[in-house]
Amino acid sequence: MKRVVKNNLDQQLINAMILYHELLKESFKKKERVKTKIIVPEFSYSDLLYYTELKNTLECLKHNYKELLKYIKSENYSPLLKVIFLYDYEYCVPTVVNMTLKEFLTSDLYIGKDEIKMK
């Protein structure tokens, strides 16, 4: 699911996090760390409109990275990964959802009710 917001700075940060999510997925597939540099714009908290959503998304990415490190080190480790669920695209509170590795590899960073077959 593509996440689009009105504030340009928030959108740049979301795009950087989506790129990092894709790199994490590649790392899980290869079972190794991907070395790359992601450009993140400078910002102050007062410039952000979606601060809580960005904070939750960053926490998910940090958690997923820690799970990647455990997954690389251990043969039998089964990671529990996190993504952001948006029930209604415009007017909702982002919620963290846990996923298995198989589900994670086929999902985006932001998922909606269509992706998890919810009415």
C-alpha atoms as a PDB file:
ATOM      1  CA  MET A   1       0.000   0.000   0.000  1.00  0.00           C
ATOM      2  CA  LYS A   2       1.427   3.356  -0.980  1.00  0.00           C
ATOM      3  CA  ARG A   3       1.185   5.914   1.830  1.00  0.00           C
ATOM      4  CA  VAL A   4       0.670   9.493   0.642  1.00  0.00           C
ATOM      5  CA  VAL A   5       0.430  12.462   3.020  1.00  0.00           C
ATOM      6  CA  LYS A   6       0.062  16.177   2.366  1.00  0.00           C
ATOM      7  CA  ASN A   7       3.112  17.424   4.255  1.00  0.00           C
ATOM      8  CA  ASN A   8       6.186  17.165   1.998  1.00  0.00           C
ATOM      9  CA  LEU A   9       8.663  16.566   4.843  1.00  0.00           C
ATOM     10  CA  ASP A  10       6.515  13.793   6.325  1.00  0.00           C
ATOM     11  CA  GLN A  11       6.249  12.225   2.866  1.00  0.00           C
ATOM     12  CA  GLN A  12      10.031  12.277   2.411  1.00  0.00           C
ATOM     13  CA  LEU A  13      10.495  10.535   5.763  1.00  0.00           C
ATOM     14  CA  ILE A  14       7.828   7.948   4.934  1.00  0.00           C
ATOM     15  CA  ASN A  15       9.485   7.274   1.566  1.00  0.00           C
ATOM     16  CA  ALA A  16      12.856   6.760   3.289  1.00  0.00           C
ATOM     17  CA  MET A  17      11.261   4.308   5.734  1.00  0.00           C
ATOM     18  CA  ILE A  18       9.550   2.410   2.908  1.00  0.00           C
ATOM     19  CA  LEU A  19      12.904   2.106   1.138  1.00  0.00           C
ATOM     20  CA  TYR A  20      14.485   0.774   4.338  1.00  0.00           C
ATOM     21  CA  HIS A  21      11.622  -1.726   4.695  1.00  0.00           C
ATOM     22  CA  GLU A  22      12.320  -3.012   1.171  1.00  0.00           C
ATOM     23  CA  LEU A  23      16.001  -3.377   2.028  1.00  0.00           C
ATOM     24  CA  LEU A  24      15.078  -5.346   5.145  1.00  0.00           C
ATOM     25  CA  LYS A  25      12.944  -7.678   3.041  1.00  0.00           C
ATOM     26  CA  GLU A  26      15.897  -8.286   0.717  1.00  0.00           C
ATOM     27  CA  SER A  27      18.112  -8.935   3.719  1.00  0.00           C
ATOM     28  CA  PHE A  28      15.710 -11.545   5.058  1.00  0.00           C
ATOM     29  CA  LYS A  29      15.590 -13.245   1.655  1.00  0.00           C
ATOM     30  CA  LYS A  30      19.398 -13.352   1.373  1.00  0.00           C
ATOM     31  CA  LYS A  31      19.874 -13.950   5.110  1.00  0.00           C
ATOM     32  CA  GLU A  32      22.557 -11.280   5.262  1.00  0.00           C
ATOM     33  CA  ARG A  33      22.828  -7.591   6.013  1.00  0.00           C
ATOM     34  CA  VAL A  34      22.515  -5.198   3.107  1.00  0.00           C
ATOM     35  CA  LYS A  35      24.965  -2.351   3.254  1.00  0.00           C
ATOM     36  CA  THR A  36      23.553   0.837   1.833  1.00  0.00           C
ATOM     37  CA  LYS A  37      22.996   4.450   2.730  1.00  0.00           C
ATOM     38  CA  ILE A  38      19.540   6.010   2.853  1.00  0.00           C
ATOM     39  CA  ILE A  39      19.230   9.766   2.590  1.00  0.00           C
ATOM     40  CA  VAL A  40      16.947  11.164   5.284  1.00  0.00           C
ATOM     41  CA  PRO A  41      16.031  14.867   5.185  1.00  0.00           C
ATOM     42  CA  GLU A  42      16.848  17.116   8.122  1.00  0.00           C
ATOM     43  CA  PHE A  43      13.848  18.064  10.218  1.00  0.00           C
ATOM     44  CA  SER A  44      12.653  19.335  13.560  1.00  0.00           C
ATOM     45  CA  TYR A  45       9.730  17.748  15.383  1.00  0.00           C
ATOM     46  CA  SER A  46       7.671  20.912  15.091  1.00  0.00           C
ATOM     47  CA  ASP A  47       7.729  20.553  11.280  1.00  0.00           C
ATOM     48  CA  LEU A  48       6.048  17.131  11.353  1.00  0.00           C
ATOM     49  CA  LEU A  49       2.294  16.619  11.147  1.00  0.00           C
ATOM     50  CA  TYR A  50       2.318  12.812  11.430  1.00  0.00           C
ATOM     51  CA  TYR A  51       4.758  12.560  14.318  1.00  0.00           C
ATOM     52  CA  THR A  52       3.061   9.609  16.078  1.00  0.00           C
ATOM     53  CA  GLU A  53       2.760   7.599  12.880  1.00  0.00           C
ATOM     54  CA  LEU A  54       6.399   8.241  11.991  1.00  0.00           C
ATOM     55  CA  LYS A  55       7.512   7.300  15.493  1.00  0.00           C
ATOM     56  CA  ASN A  56       5.540   4.026  15.385  1.00  0.00           C
ATOM     57  CA  THR A  57       6.906   3.227  11.938  1.00  0.00           C
ATOM     58  CA  LEU A  58      10.462   3.856  13.067  1.00  0.00           C
ATOM     59  CA  GLU A  59       9.936   1.574  16.074  1.00  0.00           C
ATOM     60  CA  CYS A  60       8.704  -1.170  13.725  1.00  0.00           C
ATOM     61  CA  LEU A  61      11.774  -0.808  11.526  1.00  0.00           C
ATOM     62  CA  LYS A  62      14.101  -0.925  14.531  1.00  0.00           C
ATOM     63  CA  HIS A  63      12.351  -4.038  15.825  1.00  0.00           C
ATOM     64  CA  ASN A  64      12.530  -5.701  12.400  1.00  0.00           C
ATOM     65  CA  TYR A  65      16.245  -4.940  12.133  1.00  0.00           C
ATOM     66  CA  LYS A  66      16.874  -6.564  15.526  1.00  0.00           C
ATOM     67  CA  GLU A  67      14.881  -9.582  14.368  1.00  0.00           C
ATOM     68  CA  LEU A  68      17.015  -9.703  11.207  1.00  0.00           C
ATOM     69  CA  LEU A  69      20.201  -9.857  13.270  1.00  0.00           C
ATOM     70  CA  LYS A  70      18.785 -12.710  15.358  1.00  0.00           C
ATOM     71  CA  TYR A  71      17.615 -14.476  12.193  1.00  0.00           C
ATOM     72  CA  ILE A  72      21.071 -14.253  10.612  1.00  0.00           C
ATOM     73  CA  LYS A  73      22.826 -15.582  13.725  1.00  0.00           C
ATOM     74  CA  SER A  74      20.518 -18.496  14.484  1.00  0.00           C
ATOM     75  CA  GLU A  75      19.606 -21.426  12.244  1.00  0.00           C
ATOM     76  CA  ASN A  76      16.205 -22.183  13.775  1.00  0.00           C
ATOM     77  CA  TYR A  77      15.026 -18.687  14.685  1.00  0.00           C
ATOM     78  CA  SER A  78      11.540 -17.735  13.520  1.00  0.00           C
ATOM     79  CA  PRO A  79      11.208 -13.929  13.558  1.00  0.00           C
ATOM     80  CA  LEU A  80       8.036 -12.066  14.492  1.00  0.00           C
ATOM     81  CA  LEU A  81       7.998  -8.899  12.390  1.00  0.00           C
ATOM     82  CA  LYS A  82       5.945  -5.713  12.483  1.00  0.00           C
ATOM     83  CA  VAL A  83       4.215  -3.493   9.925  1.00  0.00           C
ATOM     84  CA  ILE A  84       1.772  -0.578  10.150  1.00  0.00           C
ATOM     85  CA  PHE A  85      -1.945  -1.234   9.635  1.00  0.00           C
ATOM     86  CA  LEU A  86      -4.225   1.570   8.420  1.00  0.00           C
ATOM     87  CA  TYR A  87      -7.901   0.578   8.594  1.00  0.00           C
ATOM     88  CA  ASP A  88      -9.118   3.695   6.826  1.00  0.00           C
ATOM     89  CA  TYR A  89      -6.559   5.390   4.603  1.00  0.00           C
ATOM     90  CA  GLU A  90      -7.459   8.964   5.577  1.00  0.00           C
ATOM     91  CA  TYR A  91      -8.933   8.949   9.077  1.00  0.00           C
ATOM     92  CA  CYS A  92      -7.397   6.327  11.305  1.00  0.00           C
ATOM     93  CA  VAL A  93      -4.841   5.743  13.989  1.00  0.00           C
ATOM     94  CA  PRO A  94      -1.932   3.660  12.666  1.00  0.00           C
ATOM     95  CA  THR A  95      -1.709   0.306  14.445  1.00  0.00           C
ATOM     96  CA  VAL A  96       1.252  -2.041  14.685  1.00  0.00           C
ATOM     97  CA  VAL A  97       0.556  -5.561  13.383  1.00  0.00           C
ATOM     98  CA  ASN A  98       2.734  -8.636  13.958  1.00  0.00           C
ATOM     99  CA  MET A  99       3.539 -10.944  11.040  1.00  0.00           C
ATOM    100  CA  THR A 100       5.418 -14.114  10.302  1.00  0.00           C
ATOM    101  CA  LEU A 101       8.409 -14.002   7.990  1.00  0.00           C
ATOM    102  CA  LYS A 102       6.419 -15.424   5.073  1.00  0.00           C
ATOM    103  CA  GLU A 103       3.711 -12.754   5.452  1.00  0.00           C
ATOM    104  CA  PHE A 104       6.320 -10.029   5.915  1.00  0.00           C
ATOM    105  CA  LEU A 105       8.129 -10.882   2.683  1.00  0.00           C
ATOM    106  CA  THR A 106       4.940 -10.375   0.669  1.00  0.00           C
ATOM    107  CA  SER A 107       3.713  -7.222   2.428  1.00  0.00           C
ATOM    108  CA  ASP A 108       4.414  -3.523   2.279  1.00  0.00           C
ATOM    109  CA  LEU A 109       5.384  -1.400   5.270  1.00  0.00           C
ATOM    110  CA  TYR A 110       1.853   0.050   5.318  1.00  0.00           C
ATOM    111  CA  ILE A 111      -1.036  -2.359   4.896  1.00  0.00           C
ATOM    112  CA  GLY A 112      -4.761  -1.744   4.685  1.00  0.00           C
ATOM    113  CA  LYS A 113      -7.829  -3.835   5.349  1.00  0.00           C
ATOM    114  CA  ASP A 114      -7.704  -5.212   1.795  1.00  0.00           C
ATOM    115  CA  GLU A 115      -4.289  -6.787   2.377  1.00  0.00           C
ATOM    116  CA  ILE A 116      -5.419  -8.718   5.445  1.00  0.00           C
ATOM    117  CA  LYS A 117      -8.901  -9.494   4.098  1.00  0.00           C
ATOM    118  CA  MET A 118     -10.813  -7.585   6.744  1.00  0.00           C
ATOM    119  CA  LYS A 119     -14.349  -6.233   6.382  1.00  0.00           C
END
